[in-house]
Amino acid sequence: MREVACIDLFCGAGGLTHGLIRAGVPVVAGIDVDAACRYPFETNNDASFISKDIKEVTPAELKRLYGDAKIRILAGCAPCQPFSAYSQRYDTLTSPRWPLLYQFARLVKSVRPDIVTMENVPLVEKHAVFDDFVATLRRLGYKVWQNVVDCTQYGLPQTRRRMVILASLIGPIELILPTHKKPRTVKSVIGKLPAIGAGSSHEGDTFHASSKLSDLNLERIRVSRPGGTWRDWPERLIAECHRRETGRTYPGVYGRMTWEDPSPTITTQFYGFGNGRFGHPDQDRAISLREGAILQGFPKKYAFVADGGPTHFKVLGRMIGNAVPVALGEAIGQSIARHLIIGTQKDQKKTGGTADVARKPLVA
């Protein structure tokens, strides 16, 4: 893989990059408009961070970053909010984020990387911009694989489904087969973390921090059971908006996770008890920043802020919730590595050479 170089567009805090690197795919740079992502991206990954709007990124710039690599990979996850189920209630066509996939396509057309991969929410396939993106790849000669992926099948302890595209000029490519028959549970990944209270952090890991709870929400979480809903509460604790007929269809907020199942989808507001089923299974608080990051597949020691740096829940929640899950990034990386090995074998058979590649399985 020494002759391979990958660039991660919309890299964020480095979820996709970290997964690719773990799979052996070298990432030389990440590009993102959010400068706050520089510290976690560069601290945890051997790659450069470029703070730049994708509209300002030029093909020449990407080519310089690739250097003399023989195999060039362009990866990315355009911000998914315009395509999410929640956003469909609003006029998202006016959002400046809608054209970002077209910007991705612009760079593909100009640079012609050997492999392209893109990840987004499943609903992206219902929009013309997605159809145009795939059509562009096919028109340029890419062999395209696309499907909605259940991330629990690749070791993510979270019920998260994502649309994944793999495209190659080398030949047919596809995602590796599922690596996990049974989903990993909340207990298996955060069950041994030290207990903390609402509004506090652990002295050994200040990122293991939980947001404050009002007196009312503290009373609410104390009567909440794992897997239950606000419908289980005494009448006096139920919010006025949920008493109305229109509010009864939202039982998934103000809930606790269960130890025995994967977590719900981690959103950018997972640190708030009232924002979903983000209550800790048995401690009277919402899950911590560290717990949310672990449920997104980040290693327990992944650094998001410098020692002594400020803990801004909104900023860090956005970084974590928007990240490509590391486990999915690793599965994508393993798929690319396998594809390149197979491609090398086919090329060497044509020339009478011998492929010097490892035969061991990529996934346990």
Protein backbone atom coordinates (compact mmCIF):
# COMPACT_ATOMS: atom_id res chain seq x y z
CA MET A 1 0.00 0.00 0.00
CA ARG A 2 3.05 2.28 -0.13
CA GLU A 3 2.05 3.39 -3.62
CA VAL A 4 -1.49 4.26 -2.50
CA ALA A 5 -2.71 7.66 -1.27
CA CYS A 6 -6.18 8.65 -0.09
CA ILE A 7 -7.70 12.10 0.48
CA ASP A 8 -10.73 12.41 2.77
CA LEU A 9 -13.13 15.20 1.80
CA PHE A 10 -15.50 16.43 4.54
CA CYS A 11 -13.16 14.61 6.94
CA GLY A 12 -14.51 16.07 10.19
CA ALA A 13 -12.87 14.69 13.31
CA GLY A 14 -11.47 11.74 11.37
CA GLY A 15 -13.89 8.82 11.72
CA LEU A 16 -13.56 7.63 8.12
CA THR A 17 -9.85 8.41 7.99
CA HIS A 18 -9.18 6.48 11.20
CA GLY A 19 -11.06 3.46 9.88
CA LEU A 20 -9.23 3.56 6.55
CA ILE A 21 -5.86 3.79 8.28
CA ARG A 22 -6.72 0.86 10.55
CA ALA A 23 -7.45 -1.15 7.40
CA GLY A 24 -4.05 -0.25 5.97
CA VAL A 25 -5.19 2.42 3.50
CA PRO A 26 -2.81 5.42 3.73
CA VAL A 27 -4.60 8.76 4.12
CA VAL A 28 -2.40 11.74 3.26
CA ALA A 29 -4.85 14.55 4.01
CA GLY A 30 -8.31 15.47 5.20
CA ILE A 31 -10.23 18.53 4.06
CA ASP A 32 -13.06 20.15 6.01
CA VAL A 33 -14.49 23.63 6.41
CA ASP A 34 -14.74 23.23 10.21
CA ALA A 35 -11.38 24.35 11.63
CA ALA A 36 -12.29 22.92 15.05
CA CYS A 37 -11.74 19.45 13.58
CA ARG A 38 -8.02 20.05 13.05
CA TYR A 39 -6.93 18.96 16.53
CA PRO A 40 -8.71 15.57 16.67
CA PHE A 41 -7.95 14.81 13.02
CA GLU A 42 -4.21 15.49 13.13
CA THR A 43 -3.61 14.29 16.70
CA ASN A 44 -5.06 10.83 16.09
CA ASN A 45 -4.15 10.28 12.45
CA ASP A 46 -0.91 10.51 10.54
CA ALA A 47 -2.38 12.91 7.99
CA SER A 48 -2.58 16.65 7.35
CA PHE A 49 -5.73 18.67 7.94
CA ILE A 50 -6.69 21.40 5.48
CA SER A 51 -9.39 23.82 6.61
CA LYS A 52 -11.12 24.78 3.40
CA ASP A 53 -14.54 24.97 1.78
CA ILE A 54 -14.78 22.24 -0.87
CA LYS A 55 -15.91 24.84 -3.40
CA GLU A 56 -12.44 26.38 -3.11
CA VAL A 57 -10.53 23.11 -3.46
CA THR A 58 -8.86 22.81 -6.87
CA PRO A 59 -7.93 19.68 -8.83
CA ALA A 60 -4.32 20.88 -8.86
CA GLU A 61 -4.34 20.99 -5.06
CA LEU A 62 -5.52 17.39 -4.82
CA LYS A 63 -2.91 16.26 -7.34
CA ARG A 64 -0.16 17.90 -5.26
CA LEU A 65 -1.41 16.08 -2.17
CA TYR A 66 -1.42 12.74 -3.99
CA GLY A 67 2.18 13.27 -5.05
CA ASP A 68 3.56 10.38 -7.09
CA ALA A 69 1.16 7.76 -5.70
CA LYS A 70 0.19 5.24 -8.37
CA ILE A 71 -3.22 4.53 -6.83
CA ARG A 72 -5.29 7.57 -5.85
CA ILE A 73 -8.39 7.28 -3.66
CA LEU A 74 -10.92 10.04 -3.04
CA ALA A 75 -13.22 9.49 -0.08
CA GLY A 76 -15.83 11.58 1.63
CA CYS A 77 -19.15 12.06 3.33
CA ALA A 78 -20.92 15.25 2.34
CA PRO A 79 -22.91 16.71 5.30
CA CYS A 80 -26.02 14.56 5.52
CA GLN A 81 -28.48 16.88 7.28
CA PRO A 82 -30.27 17.96 4.08
CA PHE A 83 -30.99 14.29 3.29
CA SER A 84 -32.06 13.10 6.76
CA ALA A 85 -35.61 12.10 7.68
CA TYR A 86 -35.79 14.99 10.15
CA SER A 87 -34.85 17.57 7.53
CA GLN A 88 -37.46 16.38 5.06
CA ARG A 89 -40.05 18.41 7.01
CA TYR A 90 -38.37 21.61 5.93
CA ASP A 91 -37.40 23.42 2.73
CA THR A 92 -33.93 21.92 2.49
CA LEU A 93 -33.62 22.73 -1.21
CA THR A 94 -32.44 26.19 -0.19
CA SER A 95 -29.71 24.78 2.06
CA PRO A 96 -26.16 25.60 0.92
CA ARG A 97 -25.25 21.98 1.69
CA TRP A 98 -27.30 20.53 -1.15
CA PRO A 99 -24.72 21.26 -3.90
CA LEU A 100 -21.82 19.64 -2.01
CA LEU A 101 -22.18 16.30 -3.79
CA TYR A 102 -21.88 18.20 -7.07
CA GLN A 103 -18.62 19.67 -5.78
CA PHE A 104 -17.45 16.15 -4.96
CA ALA A 105 -18.35 15.11 -8.53
CA ARG A 106 -16.50 18.14 -9.92
CA LEU A 107 -13.26 16.97 -8.32
CA VAL A 108 -13.79 13.37 -9.44
CA LYS A 109 -14.25 14.51 -13.05
CA SER A 110 -11.08 16.61 -12.98
CA VAL A 111 -8.76 14.34 -11.00
CA ARG A 112 -10.06 10.90 -12.06
CA PRO A 113 -8.97 9.07 -8.90
CA ASP A 114 -8.67 5.30 -9.28
CA ILE A 115 -11.15 4.66 -6.47
CA VAL A 116 -13.98 6.79 -5.09
CA THR A 117 -16.00 6.09 -1.96
CA MET A 118 -18.88 8.07 -0.52
CA GLU A 119 -21.04 7.53 2.59
CA ASN A 120 -24.30 9.22 3.55
CA VAL A 121 -27.75 8.64 5.05
CA PRO A 122 -30.05 6.16 3.22
CA LEU A 123 -32.50 8.87 2.15
CA VAL A 124 -29.84 10.48 -0.04
CA GLU A 125 -30.75 8.02 -2.80
CA LYS A 126 -34.20 9.61 -3.09
CA HIS A 127 -32.71 12.87 -4.37
CA ALA A 128 -31.63 13.91 -7.86
CA VAL A 129 -28.19 15.01 -6.65
CA PHE A 130 -27.41 11.40 -5.68
CA ASP A 131 -28.61 10.03 -9.03
CA ASP A 132 -26.48 12.63 -10.79
CA PHE A 133 -23.43 11.69 -8.70
CA VAL A 134 -23.75 7.98 -9.52
CA ALA A 135 -24.47 8.73 -13.18
CA THR A 136 -21.32 10.85 -13.35
CA LEU A 137 -19.23 8.00 -11.96
CA ARG A 138 -20.64 5.52 -14.47
CA ARG A 139 -20.19 7.96 -17.36
CA LEU A 140 -16.52 8.35 -16.41
CA GLY A 141 -16.03 4.58 -16.62
CA TYR A 142 -16.22 3.64 -12.94
CA LYS A 143 -17.59 0.27 -11.85
CA VAL A 144 -20.03 1.28 -9.12
CA TRP A 145 -21.30 -0.65 -6.10
CA GLN A 146 -23.94 0.99 -3.91
CA ASN A 147 -26.09 -0.25 -1.07
CA VAL A 148 -27.57 0.67 2.29
CA VAL A 149 -25.40 -0.89 4.99
CA ASP A 150 -26.42 -1.99 8.48
CA CYS A 151 -23.41 -0.88 10.51
CA THR A 152 -24.07 -3.37 13.32
CA GLN A 153 -22.99 -6.08 10.87
CA TYR A 154 -19.51 -4.53 10.84
CA GLY A 155 -18.99 -4.23 14.58
CA LEU A 156 -20.57 -0.86 15.35
CA PRO A 157 -22.52 -1.02 18.65
CA GLN A 158 -25.15 1.33 17.26
CA THR A 159 -28.24 0.94 15.06
CA ARG A 160 -27.01 3.04 12.17
CA ARG A 161 -27.81 2.47 8.50
CA ARG A 162 -25.77 4.26 5.85
CA MET A 163 -25.69 4.45 2.07
CA VAL A 164 -22.22 3.46 0.83
CA ILE A 165 -20.78 3.89 -2.64
CA LEU A 166 -17.60 2.18 -3.83
CA ALA A 167 -16.43 2.98 -7.36
CA SER A 168 -13.30 1.90 -9.20
CA LEU A 169 -11.63 2.43 -12.56
CA ILE A 170 -9.61 -0.76 -11.91
CA GLY A 171 -12.57 -3.12 -12.06
CA PRO A 172 -15.65 -4.32 -10.13
CA ILE A 173 -15.55 -3.52 -6.42
CA GLU A 174 -17.88 -4.27 -3.52
CA LEU A 175 -18.07 -4.04 0.26
CA ILE A 176 -16.69 -7.01 2.18
CA LEU A 177 -19.19 -9.44 3.68
CA PRO A 178 -20.49 -8.69 7.21
CA THR A 179 -17.90 -9.34 9.93
CA HIS A 180 -20.27 -9.72 12.91
CA LYS A 181 -23.16 -12.17 13.16
CA LYS A 182 -24.44 -10.62 16.39
CA PRO A 183 -24.57 -6.89 17.14
CA ARG A 184 -22.24 -5.57 19.82
CA THR A 185 -24.12 -4.22 22.81
CA VAL A 186 -23.95 -0.97 24.76
CA LYS A 187 -22.68 -2.91 27.78
CA SER A 188 -19.83 -4.52 25.83
CA VAL A 189 -18.29 -1.15 24.94
CA ILE A 190 -19.16 1.33 27.70
CA GLY A 191 -20.22 -0.95 30.55
CA LYS A 192 -16.89 -0.67 32.39
CA LEU A 193 -16.44 3.09 32.17
CA PRO A 194 -16.32 4.85 35.56
CA ALA A 195 -19.59 6.16 36.95
CA ILE A 196 -20.12 9.93 36.86
CA GLY A 197 -22.99 12.20 37.76
CA ALA A 198 -24.98 14.58 35.58
CA GLY A 199 -22.98 17.74 34.93
CA SER A 200 -19.66 16.21 35.96
CA SER A 201 -16.62 14.54 34.40
CA HIS A 202 -14.14 11.88 35.46
CA GLU A 203 -10.78 13.09 36.72
CA GLY A 204 -8.94 10.40 34.75
CA ASP A 205 -10.62 11.36 31.47
CA THR A 206 -12.17 14.82 31.36
CA PHE A 207 -13.79 13.92 28.02
CA HIS A 208 -15.91 11.41 29.94
CA ALA A 209 -18.20 14.32 30.76
CA SER A 210 -21.97 14.49 31.06
CA SER A 211 -24.20 17.50 30.52
CA LYS A 212 -26.19 19.01 33.36
CA LEU A 213 -29.80 18.09 34.07
CA SER A 214 -32.47 20.42 35.38
CA ASP A 215 -34.24 19.38 38.58
CA LEU A 216 -37.26 18.37 36.50
CA ASN A 217 -35.24 16.22 34.08
CA LEU A 218 -33.35 14.66 36.95
CA GLU A 219 -36.69 13.61 38.43
CA ARG A 220 -37.78 12.32 35.02
CA ILE A 221 -34.70 10.19 34.41
CA ARG A 222 -34.98 8.66 37.88
CA VAL A 223 -38.36 7.19 36.97
CA SER A 224 -37.28 6.14 33.46
CA ARG A 225 -36.56 2.48 32.80
CA PRO A 226 -34.15 1.13 30.16
CA GLY A 227 -35.98 0.80 26.87
CA GLY A 228 -39.03 2.62 28.21
CA THR A 229 -40.54 5.96 27.22
CA TRP A 230 -41.95 9.09 28.82
CA ARG A 231 -45.32 7.32 28.66
CA ASP A 232 -44.17 5.36 31.72
CA TRP A 233 -43.84 8.52 33.82
CA PRO A 234 -46.32 9.87 36.32
CA GLU A 235 -48.70 12.31 34.64
CA ARG A 236 -47.20 15.30 36.45
CA LEU A 237 -43.79 14.76 34.78
CA ILE A 238 -45.01 14.50 31.19
CA ALA A 239 -44.20 17.56 29.10
CA GLU A 240 -47.14 19.65 27.95
CA CYS A 241 -46.22 19.16 24.28
CA HIS A 242 -46.45 15.37 24.71
CA ARG A 243 -49.86 15.57 26.32
CA ARG A 244 -51.29 16.92 23.07
CA GLU A 245 -52.37 14.45 20.41
CA THR A 246 -49.66 15.64 18.01
CA GLY A 247 -46.95 14.93 20.58
CA ARG A 248 -47.89 11.34 21.32
CA THR A 249 -46.07 10.10 18.23
CA TYR A 250 -42.64 10.91 19.69
CA PRO A 251 -42.00 8.19 22.27
CA GLY A 252 -38.28 7.97 21.41
CA VAL A 253 -37.24 11.08 23.35
CA TYR A 254 -36.43 11.17 27.06
CA GLY A 255 -35.51 7.49 27.04
CA ARG A 256 -32.78 5.31 28.51
CA MET A 257 -30.63 2.96 26.46
CA THR A 258 -30.59 -0.74 27.30
CA TRP A 259 -27.41 -2.64 28.17
CA GLU A 260 -28.34 -5.67 26.07
CA ASP A 261 -28.82 -3.91 22.70
CA PRO A 262 -26.86 -1.60 20.39
CA SER A 263 -27.43 2.08 21.04
CA PRO A 264 -29.83 4.13 18.93
CA THR A 265 -28.33 6.25 16.17
CA ILE A 266 -25.92 8.77 17.69
CA THR A 267 -26.94 12.25 16.55
CA THR A 268 -25.18 15.58 17.01
CA GLN A 269 -27.23 16.15 20.19
CA PHE A 270 -26.69 12.77 21.85
CA TYR A 271 -25.40 14.44 25.01
CA GLY A 272 -28.91 15.72 25.88
CA PHE A 273 -31.34 13.44 27.74
CA GLY A 274 -34.35 15.04 26.05
CA ASN A 275 -32.97 14.73 22.51
CA GLY A 276 -33.59 11.01 22.01
CA ARG A 277 -32.99 7.70 23.76
CA PHE A 278 -29.71 8.97 25.12
CA GLY A 279 -30.18 8.32 28.83
CA HIS A 280 -27.53 6.08 30.39
CA PRO A 281 -28.91 2.58 31.09
CA ASP A 282 -28.60 2.88 34.89
CA GLN A 283 -26.90 6.15 35.84
CA ASP A 284 -29.13 9.22 36.18
CA ARG A 285 -27.69 11.23 33.31
CA ALA A 286 -27.35 11.36 29.54
CA ILE A 287 -24.43 9.48 28.03
CA SER A 288 -21.11 11.30 28.15
CA LEU A 289 -19.10 12.69 25.26
CA ARG A 290 -16.67 9.79 25.60
CA GLU A 291 -19.48 7.24 25.59
CA GLY A 292 -20.99 8.80 22.47
CA ALA A 293 -17.61 8.69 20.74
CA ILE A 294 -17.10 5.03 21.67
CA LEU A 295 -20.55 4.16 20.36
CA GLN A 296 -19.45 5.81 17.10
CA GLY A 297 -16.50 3.42 17.02
CA PHE A 298 -13.75 5.81 18.14
CA PRO A 299 -11.06 4.26 20.37
CA LYS A 300 -11.32 5.05 24.07
CA LYS A 301 -8.19 7.20 23.93
CA TYR A 302 -9.16 9.20 20.83
CA ALA A 303 -8.36 12.83 21.68
CA PHE A 304 -10.91 15.46 20.66
CA VAL A 305 -9.55 18.41 22.66
CA ALA A 306 -6.12 19.30 23.99
CA ASP A 307 -5.36 18.68 27.66
CA GLY A 308 -6.99 21.45 29.64
CA GLY A 309 -8.96 22.62 26.62
CA PRO A 310 -12.59 23.73 26.91
CA THR A 311 -15.39 21.15 26.68
CA HIS A 312 -18.04 22.70 24.47
CA PHE A 313 -20.80 20.09 24.26
CA LYS A 314 -22.44 21.57 21.17
CA VAL A 315 -19.19 21.69 19.16
CA LEU A 316 -17.98 18.26 20.28
CA GLY A 317 -21.41 16.70 19.91
CA ARG A 318 -21.49 17.92 16.31
CA MET A 319 -18.05 16.43 15.62
CA ILE A 320 -18.96 13.04 17.04
CA GLY A 321 -22.50 12.78 15.70
CA ASN A 322 -21.49 13.85 12.18
CA ALA A 323 -18.54 11.46 11.99
CA VAL A 324 -18.44 8.43 9.74
CA PRO A 325 -18.42 5.51 12.21
CA VAL A 326 -14.88 4.18 12.50
CA ALA A 327 -16.05 0.58 12.11
CA LEU A 328 -17.72 1.39 8.81
CA GLY A 329 -14.63 3.28 7.66
CA GLU A 330 -12.54 0.23 8.45
CA ALA A 331 -14.89 -2.05 6.49
CA ILE A 332 -14.66 0.33 3.53
CA GLY A 333 -10.86 0.35 3.88
CA GLN A 334 -10.70 -3.44 4.00
CA SER A 335 -12.88 -3.59 0.89
CA ILE A 336 -10.50 -1.25 -0.96
CA ALA A 337 -7.43 -3.18 0.23
CA ARG A 338 -8.97 -6.46 -0.91
CA HIS A 339 -9.91 -4.91 -4.25
CA LEU A 340 -6.36 -3.66 -4.82
CA ILE A 341 -4.88 -7.05 -3.91
CA ILE A 342 -7.21 -8.82 -6.33
CA GLY A 343 -6.46 -6.21 -8.98
CA THR A 344 -2.72 -6.74 -8.47
CA GLN A 345 -3.12 -10.49 -8.75
CA LYS A 346 -5.03 -10.17 -12.04
CA ASP A 347 -2.45 -7.76 -13.48
CA GLN A 348 0.44 -10.03 -12.53
CA LYS A 349 -1.25 -13.07 -13.99
CA LYS A 350 -1.52 -11.21 -17.28
CA THR A 351 2.22 -10.42 -17.21
CA GLY A 352 3.31 -13.78 -15.79
CA GLY A 353 4.41 -12.30 -12.45
CA THR A 354 3.69 -13.47 -8.93
CA ALA A 355 1.60 -11.42 -6.55
CA ASP A 356 3.48 -10.75 -3.33
CA VAL A 357 0.45 -10.30 -1.08
CA ALA A 358 -0.61 -11.67 2.26
CA ARG A 359 -3.14 -14.49 2.11
CA LYS A 360 -4.49 -14.09 5.64
CA PRO A 361 -8.11 -12.90 6.09
CA LEU A 362 -8.55 -9.17 6.43
CA VAL A 363 -11.25 -9.55 9.06
CA ALA A 364 -11.34 -11.84 12.08
